[in-house]
Amino acid sequence: MAANPIPNLLEENPSHDLSGFVHKTEQHCFAAGGFSEIYKGIYAFTQGGRNREVAVAIKVFRGVHTNPQELQKMTRRMNRESHLWSSLEHPNIVPFLGTAHVPDTLPCPALISKLCLSGPIMGYLALHPEANRYDMVKDIAKGLAYLHGRGAIHGDLKPHNILIDGGVARLCDFGRSRVIGHRGYTTEFAGTYRYLAPEILEPEQDAEENEVAQILTMEADVYSFAVTALEVITGKAPYFFTNEEFRIIPLVVRGDRPIREKYPPIPDTWWDMMTRCWAQNPQDRPPMTVVVSRLLPI
């Protein structure tokens, strides 16, 4: 019988191995996605002769440990996410701490990051209506501009992947990211069509109907930023009038965009910025450095 490859995954991953120092604090995951489950936990360590504990999020990839092909796919995904994430350090990026095998979770390595107790941005805003939504959009813009400045693309920017930590918005979930000049940094999309740019949703000539083109670019990130900003500011999702994601594809591809009159009032400067960022032609969208320079003085 072949040796179980799972324990060797951390050897392939240069991130800081925190195995033995991280444990769950709750039995059930508090968040889940198409590929993973996220648990609350504690990272216990010694610093300067003193014992310390940090609340962490434990991201475990599921449904792969019994299937060698899925395990290989998960390994690539985990390495992709941890390699990029570990290189980032910015106030608007969730801090990455390392990787670990964590007891009482799935038998796969986990990604360990700082726990943002306030959770995803839209849930936070529902509980804190007094929060400054415009400042949070600026946080998102600064985080994305930083990412692009490092030659990296997020690839899945949406409200669910923006967490609040001490009232500050931070980007997370770099599982679909890629680094310019490196291959193998694309993956499948599911359930996120309303935040994707038209060039990604546009089926290729030889593709099946409604198949999503797997092309990640900075310009596509800028589009995703614009529709995410719209939702953060107004509380209404882009194309909120339909819950059927597949119906959004033809709307976006033919150039339909959110209609201003259907949303709560938005200042002209902000609306102008969003319309520029969700332009149909990717080349017409401003880089995030320009977006940040326009938004910060407002």
C-alpha atoms as a PDB file:
ATOM      1  CA  MET A   1       0.000   0.000   0.000  1.00  0.00           C
ATOM      2  CA  ALA A   2       1.332   3.432  -0.935  1.00  0.00           C
ATOM      3  CA  ALA A   3       2.214   5.789   1.873  1.00  0.00           C
ATOM      4  CA  ASN A   4      -0.355   8.427   2.709  1.00  0.00           C
ATOM      5  CA  PRO A   5       0.841  11.573   0.843  1.00  0.00           C
ATOM      6  CA  ILE A   6      -0.942  14.027   3.119  1.00  0.00           C
ATOM      7  CA  PRO A   7       1.810  14.374   5.779  1.00  0.00           C
ATOM      8  CA  ASN A   8       4.264  15.314   3.015  1.00  0.00           C
ATOM      9  CA  LEU A   9       2.248  18.275   1.811  1.00  0.00           C
ATOM     10  CA  LEU A  10       3.764  20.666   4.307  1.00  0.00           C
ATOM     11  CA  GLU A  11       7.221  19.626   3.138  1.00  0.00           C
ATOM     12  CA  GLU A  12       6.249  20.873  -0.320  1.00  0.00           C
ATOM     13  CA  ASN A  13       4.987  24.126   1.153  1.00  0.00           C
ATOM     14  CA  PRO A  14       7.617  26.629   2.346  1.00  0.00           C
ATOM     15  CA  SER A  15       5.203  28.512   4.597  1.00  0.00           C
ATOM     16  CA  HIS A  16       5.800  28.512   8.347  1.00  0.00           C
ATOM     17  CA  ASP A  17       4.693  25.140   9.774  1.00  0.00           C
ATOM     18  CA  LEU A  18       2.609  25.734  12.912  1.00  0.00           C
ATOM     19  CA  SER A  19       1.673  22.078  13.482  1.00  0.00           C
ATOM     20  CA  GLY A  20       1.352  21.336  17.188  1.00  0.00           C
ATOM     21  CA  PHE A  21       0.742  24.973  18.084  1.00  0.00           C
ATOM     22  CA  VAL A  22      -2.765  25.403  16.650  1.00  0.00           C
ATOM     23  CA  HIS A  23      -5.992  23.847  17.904  1.00  0.00           C
ATOM     24  CA  LYS A  24      -9.700  24.337  17.289  1.00  0.00           C
ATOM     25  CA  THR A  25     -11.822  26.134  19.856  1.00  0.00           C
ATOM     26  CA  GLU A  26     -15.198  25.186  18.362  1.00  0.00           C
ATOM     27  CA  GLN A  27     -16.393  21.833  17.082  1.00  0.00           C
ATOM     28  CA  HIS A  28     -18.170  23.092  13.988  1.00  0.00           C
ATOM     29  CA  CYS A  29     -16.888  25.331  11.211  1.00  0.00           C
ATOM     30  CA  PHE A  30     -18.193  28.905  11.245  1.00  0.00           C
ATOM     31  CA  ALA A  31     -17.787  29.426   7.497  1.00  0.00           C
ATOM     32  CA  ALA A  32     -17.538  27.237   4.425  1.00  0.00           C
ATOM     33  CA  GLY A  33     -16.986  27.597   0.704  1.00  0.00           C
ATOM     34  CA  GLY A  34     -16.986  25.352  -2.324  1.00  0.00           C
ATOM     35  CA  PHE A  35     -13.583  23.938  -1.458  1.00  0.00           C
ATOM     36  CA  SER A  36     -13.026  24.522   2.235  1.00  0.00           C
ATOM     37  CA  GLU A  37     -14.257  24.774   5.804  1.00  0.00           C
ATOM     38  CA  ILE A  38     -13.066  27.444   8.248  1.00  0.00           C
ATOM     39  CA  TYR A  39     -12.845  26.888  12.001  1.00  0.00           C
ATOM     40  CA  LYS A  40     -12.052  29.196  14.882  1.00  0.00           C
ATOM     41  CA  GLY A  41      -8.908  28.316  16.785  1.00  0.00           C
ATOM     42  CA  ILE A  42      -5.974  29.395  18.910  1.00  0.00           C
ATOM     43  CA  TYR A  43      -2.310  29.639  17.983  1.00  0.00           C
ATOM     44  CA  ALA A  44      -0.315  29.219  21.216  1.00  0.00           C
ATOM     45  CA  PHE A  45       3.374  30.143  21.260  1.00  0.00           C
ATOM     46  CA  THR A  46       6.133  31.549  23.436  1.00  0.00           C
ATOM     47  CA  GLN A  47       7.574  34.995  22.833  1.00  0.00           C
ATOM     48  CA  GLY A  48      10.161  36.687  25.012  1.00  0.00           C
ATOM     49  CA  GLY A  49       9.769  33.994  27.654  1.00  0.00           C
ATOM     50  CA  ARG A  50       6.016  34.567  27.890  1.00  0.00           C
ATOM     51  CA  ASN A  51       3.208  32.317  26.713  1.00  0.00           C
ATOM     52  CA  ARG A  52       0.950  33.984  24.186  1.00  0.00           C
ATOM     53  CA  GLU A  53      -2.213  33.073  22.320  1.00  0.00           C
ATOM     54  CA  VAL A  54      -3.638  34.496  19.107  1.00  0.00           C
ATOM     55  CA  ALA A  55      -7.149  33.860  17.796  1.00  0.00           C
ATOM     56  CA  VAL A  56      -6.879  32.339  14.328  1.00  0.00           C
ATOM     57  CA  ALA A  57      -8.974  31.128  11.421  1.00  0.00           C
ATOM     58  CA  ILE A  58      -8.212  27.556  10.362  1.00  0.00           C
ATOM     59  CA  LYS A  59      -8.973  26.948   6.679  1.00  0.00           C
ATOM     60  CA  VAL A  60      -9.133  23.255   5.789  1.00  0.00           C
ATOM     61  CA  PHE A  61      -9.648  21.934   2.262  1.00  0.00           C
ATOM     62  CA  ARG A  62     -12.293  19.254   2.221  1.00  0.00           C
ATOM     63  CA  GLY A  63     -13.339  16.238   0.184  1.00  0.00           C
ATOM     64  CA  VAL A  64      -9.850  15.418  -1.083  1.00  0.00           C
ATOM     65  CA  HIS A  65      -8.085  13.115   1.366  1.00  0.00           C
ATOM     66  CA  THR A  66      -9.539   9.888  -0.081  1.00  0.00           C
ATOM     67  CA  ASN A  67      -9.024  10.800  -3.740  1.00  0.00           C
ATOM     68  CA  PRO A  68      -5.412  11.017  -5.017  1.00  0.00           C
ATOM     69  CA  GLN A  69      -6.359  13.243  -7.960  1.00  0.00           C
ATOM     70  CA  GLU A  70      -8.330  15.621  -5.779  1.00  0.00           C
ATOM     71  CA  LEU A  71      -5.495  15.603  -3.263  1.00  0.00           C
ATOM     72  CA  GLN A  72      -3.054  16.652  -5.958  1.00  0.00           C
ATOM     73  CA  LYS A  73      -5.415  19.416  -7.060  1.00  0.00           C
ATOM     74  CA  MET A  74      -5.820  20.571  -3.470  1.00  0.00           C
ATOM     75  CA  THR A  75      -2.049  20.582  -2.993  1.00  0.00           C
ATOM     76  CA  ARG A  76      -1.618  22.941  -5.926  1.00  0.00           C
ATOM     77  CA  ARG A  77      -4.431  25.157  -4.674  1.00  0.00           C
ATOM     78  CA  MET A  78      -3.088  25.299  -1.141  1.00  0.00           C
ATOM     79  CA  ASN A  79       0.448  26.007  -2.322  1.00  0.00           C
ATOM     80  CA  ARG A  80      -0.839  28.711  -4.649  1.00  0.00           C
ATOM     81  CA  GLU A  81      -2.817  30.419  -1.925  1.00  0.00           C
ATOM     82  CA  SER A  82      -0.182  30.138   0.803  1.00  0.00           C
ATOM     83  CA  HIS A  83       2.736  31.172  -1.433  1.00  0.00           C
ATOM     84  CA  LEU A  84       1.024  34.378  -2.447  1.00  0.00           C
ATOM     85  CA  TRP A  85      -0.629  35.130   0.884  1.00  0.00           C
ATOM     86  CA  SER A  86       2.561  34.659   2.915  1.00  0.00           C
ATOM     87  CA  SER A  87       4.308  37.315   0.805  1.00  0.00           C
ATOM     88  CA  LEU A  88       1.717  39.999   1.567  1.00  0.00           C
ATOM     89  CA  GLU A  89       1.894  42.498   4.414  1.00  0.00           C
ATOM     90  CA  HIS A  90      -0.555  45.392   4.359  1.00  0.00           C
ATOM     91  CA  PRO A  91      -3.165  46.884   6.733  1.00  0.00           C
ATOM     92  CA  ASN A  92      -5.922  45.930   4.289  1.00  0.00           C
ATOM     93  CA  ILE A  93      -4.845  42.306   3.799  1.00  0.00           C
ATOM     94  CA  VAL A  94      -5.737  39.634   6.388  1.00  0.00           C
ATOM     95  CA  PRO A  95      -2.402  38.520   7.958  1.00  0.00           C
ATOM     96  CA  PHE A  96      -1.289  34.992   7.030  1.00  0.00           C
ATOM     97  CA  LEU A  97       0.507  33.076   9.797  1.00  0.00           C
ATOM     98  CA  GLY A  98       1.395  29.711   8.274  1.00  0.00           C
ATOM     99  CA  THR A  99       0.210  26.160   7.659  1.00  0.00           C
ATOM    100  CA  ALA A 100      -0.498  23.307  10.058  1.00  0.00           C
ATOM    101  CA  HIS A 101      -1.987  19.886  10.583  1.00  0.00           C
ATOM    102  CA  VAL A 102      -4.733  20.598  13.106  1.00  0.00           C
ATOM    103  CA  PRO A 103      -6.242  17.866  15.324  1.00  0.00           C
ATOM    104  CA  ASP A 104      -9.957  17.124  14.962  1.00  0.00           C
ATOM    105  CA  THR A 105     -10.238  18.614  11.483  1.00  0.00           C
ATOM    106  CA  LEU A 106      -9.995  17.004   8.065  1.00  0.00           C
ATOM    107  CA  PRO A 107      -6.729  15.063   7.567  1.00  0.00           C
ATOM    108  CA  CYS A 108      -5.267  17.751   5.339  1.00  0.00           C
ATOM    109  CA  PRO A 109      -2.972  20.693   6.053  1.00  0.00           C
ATOM    110  CA  ALA A 110      -4.754  23.910   6.977  1.00  0.00           C
ATOM    111  CA  LEU A 111      -4.032  27.543   6.204  1.00  0.00           C
ATOM    112  CA  ILE A 112      -3.751  29.595   9.396  1.00  0.00           C
ATOM    113  CA  SER A 113      -4.573  33.310   9.410  1.00  0.00           C
ATOM    114  CA  LYS A 114      -5.496  35.982  11.911  1.00  0.00           C
ATOM    115  CA  LEU A 115      -9.136  35.674  12.952  1.00  0.00           C
ATOM    116  CA  CYS A 116     -11.166  38.731  12.010  1.00  0.00           C
ATOM    117  CA  LEU A 117     -13.853  38.518  14.675  1.00  0.00           C
ATOM    118  CA  SER A 118     -16.262  40.886  12.946  1.00  0.00           C
ATOM    119  CA  GLY A 119     -16.554  38.592   9.931  1.00  0.00           C
ATOM    120  CA  PRO A 120     -17.506  39.435   6.324  1.00  0.00           C
ATOM    121  CA  ILE A 121     -18.194  43.058   5.539  1.00  0.00           C
ATOM    122  CA  MET A 122     -21.907  42.871   4.718  1.00  0.00           C
ATOM    123  CA  GLY A 123     -22.764  41.065   7.934  1.00  0.00           C
ATOM    124  CA  TYR A 124     -20.757  43.637   9.861  1.00  0.00           C
ATOM    125  CA  LEU A 125     -22.560  46.534   8.177  1.00  0.00           C
ATOM    126  CA  ALA A 126     -25.938  44.986   8.975  1.00  0.00           C
ATOM    127  CA  LEU A 127     -24.999  45.024  12.665  1.00  0.00           C
ATOM    128  CA  HIS A 128     -23.252  48.413  12.516  1.00  0.00           C
ATOM    129  CA  PRO A 129     -25.327  50.761  10.342  1.00  0.00           C
ATOM    130  CA  GLU A 130     -23.326  53.693  11.687  1.00  0.00           C
ATOM    131  CA  ALA A 131     -20.111  52.418  10.068  1.00  0.00           C
ATOM    132  CA  ASN A 132     -18.577  54.587   7.352  1.00  0.00           C
ATOM    133  CA  ARG A 133     -19.149  52.541   4.205  1.00  0.00           C
ATOM    134  CA  TYR A 134     -17.113  54.898   2.045  1.00  0.00           C
ATOM    135  CA  ASP A 135     -14.038  54.492   4.237  1.00  0.00           C
ATOM    136  CA  MET A 136     -14.406  50.728   3.943  1.00  0.00           C
ATOM    137  CA  VAL A 137     -14.497  50.962   0.158  1.00  0.00           C
ATOM    138  CA  LYS A 138     -11.295  52.991   0.371  1.00  0.00           C
ATOM    139  CA  ASP A 139      -9.793  50.185   2.476  1.00  0.00           C
ATOM    140  CA  ILE A 140     -10.740  47.665  -0.206  1.00  0.00           C
ATOM    141  CA  ALA A 141      -9.236  49.874  -2.910  1.00  0.00           C
ATOM    142  CA  LYS A 142      -5.966  50.248  -1.008  1.00  0.00           C
ATOM    143  CA  GLY A 143      -5.699  46.523  -0.392  1.00  0.00           C
ATOM    144  CA  LEU A 144      -6.324  45.698  -4.043  1.00  0.00           C
ATOM    145  CA  ALA A 145      -3.908  48.392  -5.242  1.00  0.00           C
ATOM    146  CA  TYR A 146      -1.253  46.895  -2.971  1.00  0.00           C
ATOM    147  CA  LEU A 147      -1.921  43.432  -4.382  1.00  0.00           C
ATOM    148  CA  HIS A 148      -1.629  44.687  -7.956  1.00  0.00           C
ATOM    149  CA  GLY A 149       1.537  46.549  -7.041  1.00  0.00           C
ATOM    150  CA  ARG A 150       3.037  43.201  -6.076  1.00  0.00           C
ATOM    151  CA  GLY A 151       2.215  41.854  -9.524  1.00  0.00           C
ATOM    152  CA  ALA A 152      -0.607  39.714  -8.126  1.00  0.00           C
ATOM    153  CA  ILE A 153      -4.264  39.337  -9.076  1.00  0.00           C
ATOM    154  CA  HIS A 154      -7.007  38.465  -6.602  1.00  0.00           C
ATOM    155  CA  GLY A 155      -9.386  36.814  -9.039  1.00  0.00           C
ATOM    156  CA  ASP A 156     -12.370  36.449  -6.697  1.00  0.00           C
ATOM    157  CA  LEU A 157     -13.023  39.840  -5.148  1.00  0.00           C
ATOM    158  CA  LYS A 158     -16.509  40.013  -3.625  1.00  0.00           C
ATOM    159  CA  PRO A 159     -18.019  41.040  -0.265  1.00  0.00           C
ATOM    160  CA  HIS A 160     -17.708  37.521   1.160  1.00  0.00           C
ATOM    161  CA  ASN A 161     -13.929  37.753   0.741  1.00  0.00           C
ATOM    162  CA  ILE A 162     -13.639  41.054   2.606  1.00  0.00           C
ATOM    163  CA  LEU A 163     -13.401  40.738   6.382  1.00  0.00           C
ATOM    164  CA  ILE A 164     -13.622  43.409   9.065  1.00  0.00           C
ATOM    165  CA  ASP A 165     -10.967  43.623  11.758  1.00  0.00           C
ATOM    166  CA  GLY A 166     -11.225  46.470  14.260  1.00  0.00           C
ATOM    167  CA  GLY A 167     -13.441  48.420  11.878  1.00  0.00           C
ATOM    168  CA  VAL A 168     -10.933  48.061   9.026  1.00  0.00           C
ATOM    169  CA  ALA A 169     -11.727  46.172   5.808  1.00  0.00           C
ATOM    170  CA  ARG A 170      -9.205  43.485   4.833  1.00  0.00           C
ATOM    171  CA  LEU A 171      -9.008  41.298   1.740  1.00  0.00           C
ATOM    172  CA  CYS A 172      -8.773  37.534   2.138  1.00  0.00           C
ATOM    173  CA  ASP A 173      -9.160  34.258   0.220  1.00  0.00           C
ATOM    174  CA  PHE A 174      -6.446  34.186  -2.408  1.00  0.00           C
ATOM    175  CA  GLY A 175      -7.308  30.692  -3.652  1.00  0.00           C
ATOM    176  CA  ARG A 176      -8.076  31.943  -7.164  1.00  0.00           C
ATOM    177  CA  SER A 177      -5.231  34.430  -7.309  1.00  0.00           C
ATOM    178  CA  ARG A 178      -2.340  34.293  -9.669  1.00  0.00           C
ATOM    179  CA  VAL A 179       0.993  36.021  -9.931  1.00  0.00           C
ATOM    180  CA  ILE A 180       1.873  37.704 -13.216  1.00  0.00           C
ATOM    181  CA  GLY A 181       4.315  35.551 -15.167  1.00  0.00           C
ATOM    182  CA  HIS A 182       3.369  32.265 -13.491  1.00  0.00           C
ATOM    183  CA  ARG A 183       1.042  29.661 -14.946  1.00  0.00           C
ATOM    184  CA  GLY A 184      -1.420  27.432 -13.162  1.00  0.00           C
ATOM    185  CA  TYR A 185      -3.120  30.205 -11.239  1.00  0.00           C
ATOM    186  CA  THR A 186      -6.658  29.866 -12.538  1.00  0.00           C
ATOM    187  CA  THR A 187      -9.516  27.719 -11.381  1.00  0.00           C
ATOM    188  CA  GLU A 188     -13.239  27.166 -11.688  1.00  0.00           C
ATOM    189  CA  PHE A 189     -15.812  29.726 -10.615  1.00  0.00           C
ATOM    190  CA  ALA A 190     -19.142  28.973  -9.008  1.00  0.00           C
ATOM    191  CA  GLY A 191     -21.836  31.214  -7.619  1.00  0.00           C
ATOM    192  CA  THR A 192     -19.941  34.485  -8.100  1.00  0.00           C
ATOM    193  CA  TYR A 193     -21.124  35.588 -11.542  1.00  0.00           C
ATOM    194  CA  ARG A 194     -22.570  38.897 -10.356  1.00  0.00           C
ATOM    195  CA  TYR A 195     -19.055  40.034  -9.370  1.00  0.00           C
ATOM    196  CA  LEU A 196     -17.224  38.838 -12.498  1.00  0.00           C
ATOM    197  CA  ALA A 197     -16.168  40.968 -15.460  1.00  0.00           C
ATOM    198  CA  PRO A 198     -17.799  40.432 -18.882  1.00  0.00           C
ATOM    199  CA  GLU A 199     -14.601  39.148 -20.481  1.00  0.00           C
ATOM    200  CA  ILE A 200     -14.516  36.353 -17.907  1.00  0.00           C
ATOM    201  CA  LEU A 201     -18.183  35.499 -18.349  1.00  0.00           C
ATOM    202  CA  GLU A 202     -18.004  35.642 -22.157  1.00  0.00           C
ATOM    203  CA  PRO A 203     -18.003  32.029 -23.430  1.00  0.00           C
ATOM    204  CA  GLU A 204     -15.225  31.166 -25.853  1.00  0.00           C
ATOM    205  CA  GLN A 205     -16.289  30.096 -29.338  1.00  0.00           C
ATOM    206  CA  ASP A 206     -15.568  26.430 -28.659  1.00  0.00           C
ATOM    207  CA  ALA A 207     -16.925  26.478 -25.101  1.00  0.00           C
ATOM    208  CA  GLU A 208     -20.243  25.124 -23.958  1.00  0.00           C
ATOM    209  CA  GLU A 209     -23.045  27.579 -23.183  1.00  0.00           C
ATOM    210  CA  ASN A 210     -22.566  29.518 -19.925  1.00  0.00           C
ATOM    211  CA  GLU A 211     -19.078  28.133 -19.417  1.00  0.00           C
ATOM    212  CA  VAL A 212     -16.935  30.705 -17.646  1.00  0.00           C
ATOM    213  CA  ALA A 213     -13.680  31.709 -19.288  1.00  0.00           C
ATOM    214  CA  GLN A 214     -10.881  31.210 -16.807  1.00  0.00           C
ATOM    215  CA  ILE A 215      -8.936  34.402 -17.419  1.00  0.00           C
ATOM    216  CA  LEU A 216      -7.741  36.466 -14.496  1.00  0.00           C
ATOM    217  CA  THR A 217      -6.453  40.006 -15.020  1.00  0.00           C
ATOM    218  CA  MET A 218      -5.993  43.170 -13.024  1.00  0.00           C
ATOM    219  CA  GLU A 219      -8.651  44.801 -15.189  1.00  0.00           C
ATOM    220  CA  ALA A 220     -11.115  42.072 -14.184  1.00  0.00           C
ATOM    221  CA  ASP A 221     -10.240  42.763 -10.542  1.00  0.00           C
ATOM    222  CA  VAL A 222     -11.058  46.442 -11.109  1.00  0.00           C
ATOM    223  CA  TYR A 223     -14.491  45.485 -12.432  1.00  0.00           C
ATOM    224  CA  SER A 224     -15.091  43.267  -9.390  1.00  0.00           C
ATOM    225  CA  PHE A 225     -14.023  46.132  -7.142  1.00  0.00           C
ATOM    226  CA  ALA A 226     -16.629  48.439  -8.706  1.00  0.00           C
ATOM    227  CA  VAL A 227     -19.616  46.127  -8.247  1.00  0.00           C
ATOM    228  CA  THR A 228     -18.397  45.188  -4.771  1.00  0.00           C
ATOM    229  CA  ALA A 229     -18.147  48.886  -3.888  1.00  0.00           C
ATOM    230  CA  LEU A 230     -21.727  49.357  -5.087  1.00  0.00           C
ATOM    231  CA  GLU A 231     -22.967  46.659  -2.721  1.00  0.00           C
ATOM    232  CA  VAL A 232     -20.932  47.914   0.235  1.00  0.00           C
ATOM    233  CA  ILE A 233     -22.154  51.497  -0.190  1.00  0.00           C
ATOM    234  CA  THR A 234     -25.826  50.778  -0.892  1.00  0.00           C
ATOM    235  CA  GLY A 235     -26.409  47.430   0.791  1.00  0.00           C
ATOM    236  CA  LYS A 236     -27.838  46.098  -2.476  1.00  0.00           C
ATOM    237  CA  ALA A 237     -25.978  43.525  -4.561  1.00  0.00           C
ATOM    238  CA  PRO A 238     -25.377  44.077  -8.277  1.00  0.00           C
ATOM    239  CA  TYR A 239     -28.326  42.588 -10.192  1.00  0.00           C
ATOM    240  CA  PHE A 240     -30.133  42.105  -6.883  1.00  0.00           C
ATOM    241  CA  PHE A 241     -33.393  41.511  -8.742  1.00  0.00           C
ATOM    242  CA  THR A 242     -32.420  37.911  -9.535  1.00  0.00           C
ATOM    243  CA  ASN A 243     -31.143  35.094  -7.346  1.00  0.00           C
ATOM    244  CA  GLU A 244     -30.399  32.898 -10.353  1.00  0.00           C
ATOM    245  CA  GLU A 245     -26.726  33.465 -11.032  1.00  0.00           C
ATOM    246  CA  PHE A 246     -26.778  32.053 -14.574  1.00  0.00           C
ATOM    247  CA  ARG A 247     -29.261  34.743 -15.668  1.00  0.00           C
ATOM    248  CA  ILE A 248     -26.702  37.418 -14.837  1.00  0.00           C
ATOM    249  CA  ILE A 249     -24.208  36.216 -17.447  1.00  0.00           C
ATOM    250  CA  PRO A 250     -26.008  37.518 -20.582  1.00  0.00           C
ATOM    251  CA  LEU A 251     -26.798  40.818 -18.849  1.00  0.00           C
ATOM    252  CA  VAL A 252     -23.164  41.536 -18.059  1.00  0.00           C
ATOM    253  CA  VAL A 253     -21.822  40.241 -21.370  1.00  0.00           C
ATOM    254  CA  ARG A 254     -24.106  42.517 -23.426  1.00  0.00           C
ATOM    255  CA  GLY A 255     -23.090  45.554 -21.367  1.00  0.00           C
ATOM    256  CA  ASP A 256     -25.980  45.966 -18.929  1.00  0.00           C
ATOM    257  CA  ARG A 257     -24.858  47.590 -15.702  1.00  0.00           C
ATOM    258  CA  PRO A 258     -26.561  48.523 -12.409  1.00  0.00           C
ATOM    259  CA  ILE A 259     -29.114  51.309 -12.893  1.00  0.00           C
ATOM    260  CA  ARG A 260     -28.431  54.214 -10.560  1.00  0.00           C
ATOM    261  CA  GLU A 261     -32.093  54.994  -9.891  1.00  0.00           C
ATOM    262  CA  LYS A 262     -32.665  51.514  -8.458  1.00  0.00           C
ATOM    263  CA  TYR A 263     -30.146  52.078  -5.674  1.00  0.00           C
ATOM    264  CA  PRO A 264     -30.043  54.413  -2.673  1.00  0.00           C
ATOM    265  CA  PRO A 265     -28.480  57.827  -3.447  1.00  0.00           C
ATOM    266  CA  ILE A 266     -24.770  57.758  -4.253  1.00  0.00           C
ATOM    267  CA  PRO A 267     -22.604  60.900  -4.642  1.00  0.00           C
ATOM    268  CA  ASP A 268     -21.720  61.749  -8.245  1.00  0.00           C
ATOM    269  CA  THR A 269     -17.991  61.325  -7.680  1.00  0.00           C
ATOM    270  CA  TRP A 270     -18.444  57.794  -6.396  1.00  0.00           C
ATOM    271  CA  TRP A 271     -20.881  56.797  -9.129  1.00  0.00           C
ATOM    272  CA  ASP A 272     -18.526  58.157 -11.790  1.00  0.00           C
ATOM    273  CA  MET A 273     -15.672  56.114 -10.319  1.00  0.00           C
ATOM    274  CA  MET A 274     -17.741  52.923 -10.361  1.00  0.00           C
ATOM    275  CA  THR A 275     -18.934  53.409 -13.940  1.00  0.00           C
ATOM    276  CA  ARG A 276     -15.342  53.880 -15.089  1.00  0.00           C
ATOM    277  CA  CYS A 277     -14.251  50.757 -13.244  1.00  0.00           C
ATOM    278  CA  TRP A 278     -17.007  48.536 -14.660  1.00  0.00           C
ATOM    279  CA  ALA A 279     -16.495  49.705 -18.259  1.00  0.00           C
ATOM    280  CA  GLN A 280     -17.200  46.998 -20.843  1.00  0.00           C
ATOM    281  CA  ASN A 281     -13.751  47.313 -22.426  1.00  0.00           C
ATOM    282  CA  PRO A 282     -11.102  46.200 -19.913  1.00  0.00           C
ATOM    283  CA  GLN A 283      -8.643  48.739 -21.314  1.00  0.00           C
ATOM    284  CA  ASP A 284     -11.016  51.571 -20.378  1.00  0.00           C
ATOM    285  CA  ARG A 285     -10.905  50.703 -16.673  1.00  0.00           C
ATOM    286  CA  PRO A 286      -8.469  52.739 -14.548  1.00  0.00           C
ATOM    287  CA  PRO A 287      -5.695  50.985 -12.621  1.00  0.00           C
ATOM    288  CA  MET A 288      -6.276  50.692  -8.883  1.00  0.00           C
ATOM    289  CA  THR A 289      -3.550  53.234  -8.146  1.00  0.00           C
ATOM    290  CA  VAL A 290      -5.634  55.818 -10.008  1.00  0.00           C
ATOM    291  CA  VAL A 291      -8.795  54.701  -8.212  1.00  0.00           C
ATOM    292  CA  VAL A 292      -7.105  55.115  -4.831  1.00  0.00           C
ATOM    293  CA  SER A 293      -5.736  58.553  -5.734  1.00  0.00           C
ATOM    294  CA  ARG A 294      -9.246  59.691  -6.692  1.00  0.00           C
ATOM    295  CA  LEU A 295     -11.025  58.229  -3.674  1.00  0.00           C
ATOM    296  CA  LEU A 296      -8.708  59.151  -0.812  1.00  0.00           C
ATOM    297  CA  PRO A 297      -9.356  62.931  -0.983  1.00  0.00           C
ATOM    298  CA  ILE A 298     -13.144  62.445  -0.964  1.00  0.00           C
END
